[in-house]
C-alpha atoms as a PDB file:
ATOM      1  CA  MET A   1      82.124  70.862 -31.245  1.00  0.00           C
ATOM      2  CA  LYS A   2      81.511  70.435 -27.540  1.00  0.00           C
ATOM      3  CA  LEU A   3      81.005  73.737 -25.780  1.00  0.00           C
ATOM      4  CA  TYR A   4      81.015  72.527 -22.181  1.00  0.00           C
ATOM      5  CA  ALA A   5      82.958  69.982 -20.168  1.00  0.00           C
ATOM      6  CA  ASP A   6      81.310  66.929 -18.614  1.00  0.00           C
ATOM      7  CA  ARG A   7      82.785  67.533 -15.158  1.00  0.00           C
ATOM      8  CA  PRO A   8      80.575  69.927 -13.112  1.00  0.00           C
ATOM      9  CA  ASP A   9      83.362  72.104 -11.715  1.00  0.00           C
ATOM     10  CA  ARG A  10      84.885  73.031 -15.071  1.00  0.00           C
ATOM     11  CA  ARG A  11      81.493  73.244 -16.753  1.00  0.00           C
ATOM     12  CA  ARG A  12      80.418  75.743 -14.081  1.00  0.00           C
ATOM     13  CA  ARG A  13      83.461  77.912 -14.752  1.00  0.00           C
ATOM     14  CA  GLN A  14      82.800  77.775 -18.488  1.00  0.00           C
ATOM     15  CA  VAL A  15      79.170  78.804 -18.059  1.00  0.00           C
ATOM     16  CA  ILE A  16      80.212  81.703 -15.819  1.00  0.00           C
ATOM     17  CA  ALA A  17      82.827  82.794 -18.362  1.00  0.00           C
ATOM     18  CA  ASP A  18      80.253  82.703 -21.186  1.00  0.00           C
ATOM     19  CA  ALA A  19      77.747  84.640 -19.069  1.00  0.00           C
ATOM     20  CA  LEU A  20      80.345  87.313 -18.286  1.00  0.00           C
ATOM     21  CA  THR A  21      81.203  87.529 -21.977  1.00  0.00           C
ATOM     22  CA  CYS A  22      77.525  88.069 -22.809  1.00  0.00           C
ATOM     23  CA  VAL A  23      77.291  90.787 -20.153  1.00  0.00           C
ATOM     24  CA  TRP A  24      80.412  92.443 -21.584  1.00  0.00           C
ATOM     25  CA  VAL A  25      78.874  92.403 -25.074  1.00  0.00           C
ATOM     26  CA  VAL A  26      75.525  93.805 -23.904  1.00  0.00           C
ATOM     27  CA  VAL A  27      77.195  96.590 -21.876  1.00  0.00           C
ATOM     28  CA  TRP A  28      79.277  97.792 -24.818  1.00  0.00           C
ATOM     29  CA  ILE A  29      76.360  97.616 -27.246  1.00  0.00           C
ATOM     30  CA  TRP A  30      74.394  99.730 -24.760  1.00  0.00           C
ATOM     31  CA  ALA A  31      77.342 102.146 -24.522  1.00  0.00           C
ATOM     32  CA  GLY A  32      77.403 102.436 -28.311  1.00  0.00           C
ATOM     33  CA  PHE A  33      73.701 103.291 -28.380  1.00  0.00           C
ATOM     34  CA  ARG A  34      74.201 105.854 -25.594  1.00  0.00           C
ATOM     35  CA  VAL A  35      77.013 107.583 -27.499  1.00  0.00           C
ATOM     36  CA  HIS A  36      74.848 107.618 -30.616  1.00  0.00           C
ATOM     37  CA  ALA A  37      71.897 109.060 -28.670  1.00  0.00           C
ATOM     38  CA  GLN A  38      74.016 111.798 -27.059  1.00  0.00           C
ATOM     39  CA  ILE A  39      75.434 113.000 -30.366  1.00  0.00           C
ATOM     40  CA  GLU A  40      72.028 112.705 -32.019  1.00  0.00           C
ATOM     41  CA  GLY A  41      70.733 115.113 -29.350  1.00  0.00           C
ATOM     42  CA  SER A  42      73.237 117.699 -30.569  1.00  0.00           C
ATOM     43  CA  ALA A  43      72.246 116.972 -34.170  1.00  0.00           C
ATOM     44  CA  ALA A  44      68.598 117.639 -33.241  1.00  0.00           C
ATOM     45  CA  GLY A  45      69.648 121.073 -31.929  1.00  0.00           C
ATOM     46  CA  ALA A  46      71.414 121.787 -35.229  1.00  0.00           C
ATOM     47  CA  ARG A  47      68.262 120.778 -37.118  1.00  0.00           C
ATOM     48  CA  ARG A  48      66.222 123.182 -34.978  1.00  0.00           C
ATOM     49  CA  LEU A  49      68.746 125.911 -35.856  1.00  0.00           C
ATOM     50  CA  GLU A  50      68.333 125.034 -39.523  1.00  0.00           C
ATOM     51  CA  SER A  51      64.532 125.142 -39.308  1.00  0.00           C
ATOM     52  CA  GLY A  52      64.430 128.366 -37.268  1.00  0.00           C
ATOM     53  CA  SER A  53      66.932 130.155 -39.509  1.00  0.00           C
ATOM     54  CA  GLY A  54      64.927 129.151 -42.562  1.00  0.00           C
ATOM     55  CA  SER A  55      61.753 130.576 -41.052  1.00  0.00           C
ATOM     56  CA  VAL A  56      63.514 133.823 -40.093  1.00  0.00           C
ATOM     57  CA  ALA A  57      64.981 134.131 -43.597  1.00  0.00           C
ATOM     58  CA  GLN A  58      61.544 133.645 -45.132  1.00  0.00           C
ATOM     59  CA  HIS A  59      59.922 136.217 -42.829  1.00  0.00           C
ATOM     60  CA  LEU A  60      62.666 138.779 -43.480  1.00  0.00           C
ATOM     61  CA  SER A  61      62.365 138.223 -47.215  1.00  0.00           C
ATOM     62  CA  ASP A  62      58.587 138.679 -47.018  1.00  0.00           C
ATOM     63  CA  ALA A  63      58.999 141.783 -44.882  1.00  0.00           C
ATOM     64  CA  GLY A  64      61.497 143.237 -47.344  1.00  0.00           C
ATOM     65  CA  SER A  65      59.118 142.587 -50.217  1.00  0.00           C
ATOM     66  CA  ALA A  66      56.309 144.279 -48.303  1.00  0.00           C
ATOM     67  CA  VAL A  67      58.442 147.305 -47.388  1.00  0.00           C
ATOM     68  CA  ALA A  68      59.549 147.658 -51.010  1.00  0.00           C
ATOM     69  CA  LYS A  69      55.993 148.515 -51.940  1.00  0.00           C
ATOM     70  CA  ILE A  70      56.052 151.669 -49.777  1.00  0.00           C
ATOM     71  CA  PRO A  71      56.270 154.693 -52.118  1.00  0.00           C
ATOM     72  CA  PHE A  72      59.504 156.746 -52.182  1.00  0.00           C
ATOM     73  CA  VAL A  73      61.293 154.967 -49.290  1.00  0.00           C
ATOM     74  CA  GLY A  74      60.521 151.319 -50.013  1.00  0.00           C
ATOM     75  CA  SER A  75      63.495 150.548 -52.219  1.00  0.00           C
ATOM     76  CA  GLY A  76      65.950 151.993 -49.712  1.00  0.00           C
ATOM     77  CA  VAL A  77      64.483 150.182 -46.726  1.00  0.00           C
ATOM     78  CA  GLU A  78      64.201 146.831 -48.522  1.00  0.00           C
ATOM     79  CA  LYS A  79      67.960 146.282 -48.810  1.00  0.00           C
ATOM     80  CA  PRO A  80      68.679 145.663 -45.067  1.00  0.00           C
ATOM     81  CA  PHE A  81      65.833 143.144 -44.941  1.00  0.00           C
ATOM     82  CA  LYS A  82      67.243 141.283 -47.936  1.00  0.00           C
ATOM     83  CA  GLN A  83      70.730 141.256 -46.412  1.00  0.00           C
ATOM     84  CA  ALA A  84      69.356 139.957 -43.136  1.00  0.00           C
ATOM     85  CA  ALA A  85      67.414 137.270 -45.022  1.00  0.00           C
ATOM     86  CA  GLN A  86      70.596 136.211 -46.815  1.00  0.00           C
ATOM     87  CA  ALA A  87      72.467 136.004 -43.494  1.00  0.00           C
ATOM     88  CA  SER A  88      69.680 133.854 -42.047  1.00  0.00           C
ATOM     89  CA  GLY A  89      69.843 131.655 -45.139  1.00  0.00           C
ATOM     90  CA  GLN A  90      73.574 131.134 -44.584  1.00  0.00           C
ATOM     91  CA  LEU A  91      72.877 130.256 -40.961  1.00  0.00           C
ATOM     92  CA  GLN A  92      70.271 127.757 -42.160  1.00  0.00           C
ATOM     93  CA  SER A  93      72.817 126.161 -44.483  1.00  0.00           C
ATOM     94  CA  ALA A  94      75.378 125.989 -41.673  1.00  0.00           C
ATOM     95  CA  GLY A  95      72.815 124.352 -39.371  1.00  0.00           C
ATOM     96  CA  LYS A  96      72.062 121.748 -42.039  1.00  0.00           C
ATOM     97  CA  ASP A  97      75.767 120.939 -42.516  1.00  0.00           C
ATOM     98  CA  ILE A  98      76.280 120.615 -38.767  1.00  0.00           C
ATOM     99  CA  ALA A  99      73.278 118.281 -38.454  1.00  0.00           C
ATOM    100  CA  VAL A 100      74.519 116.060 -41.303  1.00  0.00           C
ATOM    101  CA  ASN A 101      78.051 115.861 -39.856  1.00  0.00           C
ATOM    102  CA  LEU A 102      76.742 115.107 -36.378  1.00  0.00           C
ATOM    103  CA  ASP A 103      74.535 112.326 -37.773  1.00  0.00           C
ATOM    104  CA  ARG A 104      77.557 110.734 -39.404  1.00  0.00           C
ATOM    105  CA  MET A 105      79.612 111.170 -36.242  1.00  0.00           C
ATOM    106  CA  ALA A 106      76.847 109.637 -34.121  1.00  0.00           C
ATOM    107  CA  TRP A 107      76.795 106.470 -36.198  1.00  0.00           C
ATOM    108  CA  GLY A 108      80.570 106.289 -36.581  1.00  0.00           C
ATOM    109  CA  LEU A 109      81.393 106.761 -32.900  1.00  0.00           C
ATOM    110  CA  GLY A 110      78.477 104.589 -31.764  1.00  0.00           C
ATOM    111  CA  ILE A 111      79.639 101.697 -33.925  1.00  0.00           C
ATOM    112  CA  ALA A 112      83.293 102.217 -32.946  1.00  0.00           C
ATOM    113  CA  VAL A 113      82.504 102.238 -29.224  1.00  0.00           C
ATOM    114  CA  ALA A 114      80.559  98.980 -29.517  1.00  0.00           C
ATOM    115  CA  LEU A 115      82.569  97.200 -32.207  1.00  0.00           C
ATOM    116  CA  LEU A 116      86.100  97.268 -30.756  1.00  0.00           C
ATOM    117  CA  PRO A 117      85.145  95.599 -27.433  1.00  0.00           C
ATOM    118  CA  LEU A 118      83.025  93.078 -29.369  1.00  0.00           C
ATOM    119  CA  VAL A 119      86.013  92.149 -31.530  1.00  0.00           C
ATOM    120  CA  VAL A 120      88.176  91.774 -28.413  1.00  0.00           C
ATOM    121  CA  ALA A 121      85.494  89.609 -26.774  1.00  0.00           C
ATOM    122  CA  ALA A 122      85.171  87.426 -29.895  1.00  0.00           C
ATOM    123  CA  ILE A 123      88.943  86.894 -30.109  1.00  0.00           C
ATOM    124  CA  CYS A 124      89.256  86.093 -26.400  1.00  0.00           C
ATOM    125  CA  TRP A 125      86.283  83.723 -26.538  1.00  0.00           C
ATOM    126  CA  TRP A 126      87.690  81.868 -29.513  1.00  0.00           C
ATOM    127  CA  LEU A 127      91.177  81.586 -28.022  1.00  0.00           C
ATOM    128  CA  SER A 128      89.779  80.077 -24.841  1.00  0.00           C
ATOM    129  CA  ARG A 129      86.305  78.633 -25.299  1.00  0.00           C
ATOM    130  CA  GLY A 130      86.227  78.131 -29.054  1.00  0.00           C
ATOM    131  CA  ARG A 131      89.485  76.220 -29.132  1.00  0.00           C
ATOM    132  CA  TYR A 132      88.334  74.090 -26.217  1.00  0.00           C
ATOM    133  CA  ALA A 133      84.997  73.361 -27.895  1.00  0.00           C
ATOM    134  CA  ARG A 134      86.709  72.110 -31.038  1.00  0.00           C
ATOM    135  CA  THR A 135      89.324  70.039 -29.173  1.00  0.00           C
ATOM    136  CA  ALA A 136      86.801  68.569 -26.729  1.00  0.00           C
ATOM    137  CA  GLY A 137      84.399  67.735 -29.545  1.00  0.00           C
ATOM    138  CA  VAL A 138      87.069  65.760 -31.395  1.00  0.00           C
ATOM    139  CA  ALA A 139      88.167  64.002 -28.178  1.00  0.00           C
ATOM    140  CA  ALA A 140      84.603  63.039 -27.246  1.00  0.00           C
ATOM    141  CA  THR A 141      84.080  61.605 -30.731  1.00  0.00           C
ATOM    142  CA  LEU A 142      87.325  59.647 -30.648  1.00  0.00           C
ATOM    143  CA  ALA A 143      86.501  58.237 -27.211  1.00  0.00           C
ATOM    144  CA  ARG A 144      83.433  56.538 -28.678  1.00  0.00           C
ATOM    145  CA  LEU A 145      85.113  55.131 -31.776  1.00  0.00           C
ATOM    146  CA  PRO A 146      86.746  51.707 -32.003  1.00  0.00           C
ATOM    147  CA  GLY A 147      90.468  52.283 -31.772  1.00  0.00           C
ATOM    148  CA  GLY A 148      89.887  55.793 -30.491  1.00  0.00           C
ATOM    149  CA  GLU A 149      91.904  55.101 -27.360  1.00  0.00           C
ATOM    150  CA  ASP A 150      95.059  54.834 -29.438  1.00  0.00           C
ATOM    151  CA  LEU A 151      94.460  58.231 -31.020  1.00  0.00           C
ATOM    152  CA  LEU A 152      93.606  59.816 -27.675  1.00  0.00           C
ATOM    153  CA  ALA A 153      96.787  58.359 -26.225  1.00  0.00           C
ATOM    154  CA  LEU A 154      98.752  59.817 -29.133  1.00  0.00           C
ATOM    155  CA  ARG A 155      97.194  63.206 -28.474  1.00  0.00           C
ATOM    156  CA  ALA A 156      98.128  62.853 -24.830  1.00  0.00           C
ATOM    157  CA  LEU A 157     101.753  62.213 -25.798  1.00  0.00           C
ATOM    158  CA  THR A 158     101.846  65.415 -27.857  1.00  0.00           C
ATOM    159  CA  GLU A 159      99.766  67.726 -25.653  1.00  0.00           C
ATOM    160  CA  LEU A 160     100.097  66.714 -21.999  1.00  0.00           C
ATOM    161  CA  ALA A 161     102.833  68.093 -19.770  1.00  0.00           C
ATOM    162  CA  PRO A 162     105.841  65.817 -19.197  1.00  0.00           C
ATOM    163  CA  SER A 163     104.938  65.503 -15.517  1.00  0.00           C
ATOM    164  CA  ALA A 164     101.471  64.222 -16.449  1.00  0.00           C
ATOM    165  CA  LEU A 165     102.969  61.702 -18.879  1.00  0.00           C
ATOM    166  CA  THR A 166     105.534  60.324 -16.433  1.00  0.00           C
ATOM    167  CA  ALA A 167     102.755  59.983 -13.876  1.00  0.00           C
ATOM    168  CA  VAL A 168     101.213  57.425 -16.236  1.00  0.00           C
ATOM    169  CA  ASP A 169     104.384  55.548 -17.125  1.00  0.00           C
ATOM    170  CA  SER A 170     108.111  56.132 -17.022  1.00  0.00           C
ATOM    171  CA  ALA A 171     108.331  55.581 -20.785  1.00  0.00           C
ATOM    172  CA  PRO A 172     104.845  56.340 -22.187  1.00  0.00           C
ATOM    173  CA  ALA A 173     105.942  56.747 -25.805  1.00  0.00           C
ATOM    174  CA  ALA A 174     107.668  53.373 -25.827  1.00  0.00           C
ATOM    175  CA  ALA A 175     104.633  51.768 -24.215  1.00  0.00           C
ATOM    176  CA  TRP A 176     102.379  53.318 -26.864  1.00  0.00           C
ATOM    177  CA  ARG A 177     104.602  51.981 -29.654  1.00  0.00           C
ATOM    178  CA  ALA A 178     104.622  48.548 -27.956  1.00  0.00           C
ATOM    179  CA  ASP A 179     100.810  48.598 -27.880  1.00  0.00           C
ATOM    180  CA  ASP A 180     100.695  48.344 -24.097  1.00  0.00           C
ATOM    181  CA  ARG A 181      96.911  48.509 -23.675  1.00  0.00           C
ATOM    182  CA  SER A 182      96.969  49.477 -20.001  1.00  0.00           C
ATOM    183  CA  VAL A 183      99.300  52.429 -20.640  1.00  0.00           C
ATOM    184  CA  ILE A 184      97.383  53.443 -23.775  1.00  0.00           C
ATOM    185  CA  ARG A 185      94.130  53.457 -21.830  1.00  0.00           C
ATOM    186  CA  ALA A 186      95.741  55.429 -18.994  1.00  0.00           C
ATOM    187  CA  LEU A 187      97.063  58.000 -21.480  1.00  0.00           C
ATOM    188  CA  ALA A 188      93.642  58.292 -23.138  1.00  0.00           C
ATOM    189  CA  HIS A 189      92.021  58.792 -19.731  1.00  0.00           C
ATOM    190  CA  ALA A 190      94.624  61.394 -18.784  1.00  0.00           C
ATOM    191  CA  TYR A 191      93.836  63.308 -21.973  1.00  0.00           C
ATOM    192  CA  LEU A 192      90.100  63.192 -21.277  1.00  0.00           C
ATOM    193  CA  ASP A 193      90.772  64.276 -17.686  1.00  0.00           C
ATOM    194  CA  MET A 194      92.708  67.271 -18.980  1.00  0.00           C
ATOM    195  CA  LEU A 195      89.605  68.311 -20.936  1.00  0.00           C
ATOM    196  CA  ALA A 196      87.292  67.443 -18.008  1.00  0.00           C
ATOM    197  CA  LEU A 197      85.415  64.915 -20.146  1.00  0.00           C
ATOM    198  CA  ASP A 198      83.888  61.668 -18.969  1.00  0.00           C
ATOM    199  CA  ARG A 199      85.894  58.513 -19.555  1.00  0.00           C
ATOM    200  CA  VAL A 200      83.960  56.599 -22.197  1.00  0.00           C
ATOM    201  CA  THR A 201      84.833  53.006 -22.990  1.00  0.00           C
ATOM    202  CA  ALA A 202      84.826  52.538 -26.718  1.00  0.00           C
ATOM    203  CA  SER A 203      83.538  49.420 -28.363  1.00  0.00           C
ATOM    204  CA  PRO A 204      86.306  46.965 -29.174  1.00  0.00           C
ATOM    205  CA  GLU A 205      87.659  46.945 -32.677  1.00  0.00           C
ATOM    206  CA  PRO A 206      85.941  44.352 -34.873  1.00  0.00           C
ATOM    207  CA  GLU A 207      88.092  41.372 -35.654  1.00  0.00           C
ATOM    208  CA  ALA A 208      89.247  41.048 -39.209  1.00  0.00           C
ATOM    209  CA  ILE A 209      87.482  38.354 -41.232  1.00  0.00           C
ATOM    210  CA  GLU A 210      89.934  36.107 -42.980  1.00  0.00           C
END
């Protein structure tokens, strides 16, 4: 793979695009953490409710037990304390459930806020930069191989616009089939120009030994 073009102008645009993609990724990861932190703040309040209700329930239960020891009136006065302790216990349980649900929501929403833009960024990067990197890497390798010009010219015939092909020759396909070296080299160069790669002269093919 070849991530960046050889020509400075296109390479500069590619670097800027990659930098903007990185900024996009960092911003949405930060947003995901912020959403998580905000919901976690509410979960902390629910945990304080759970802790406070538990303490109140314990104190009311202790107070009821103490009042029950008072002769003659203790048993009658104890009941409201026990009922209040039970109500506080239910509030404690509700606070615990709220805290657990908010914890789950914090992680779920935090990941969702960050993940969807990251997936979009990954798809967009691959469709533009990733595809270029693979194509340019193959082209740069072919340009350095003996006989690579022929393959680059063939790629040019299949991928370049008709206007770009006719600018090379009025009948580029026929010239390629006829092994017209000047047209083949011009097609290979046009293909490398399309990818903003340097024109590399490959070593000549070794002659066959009879």
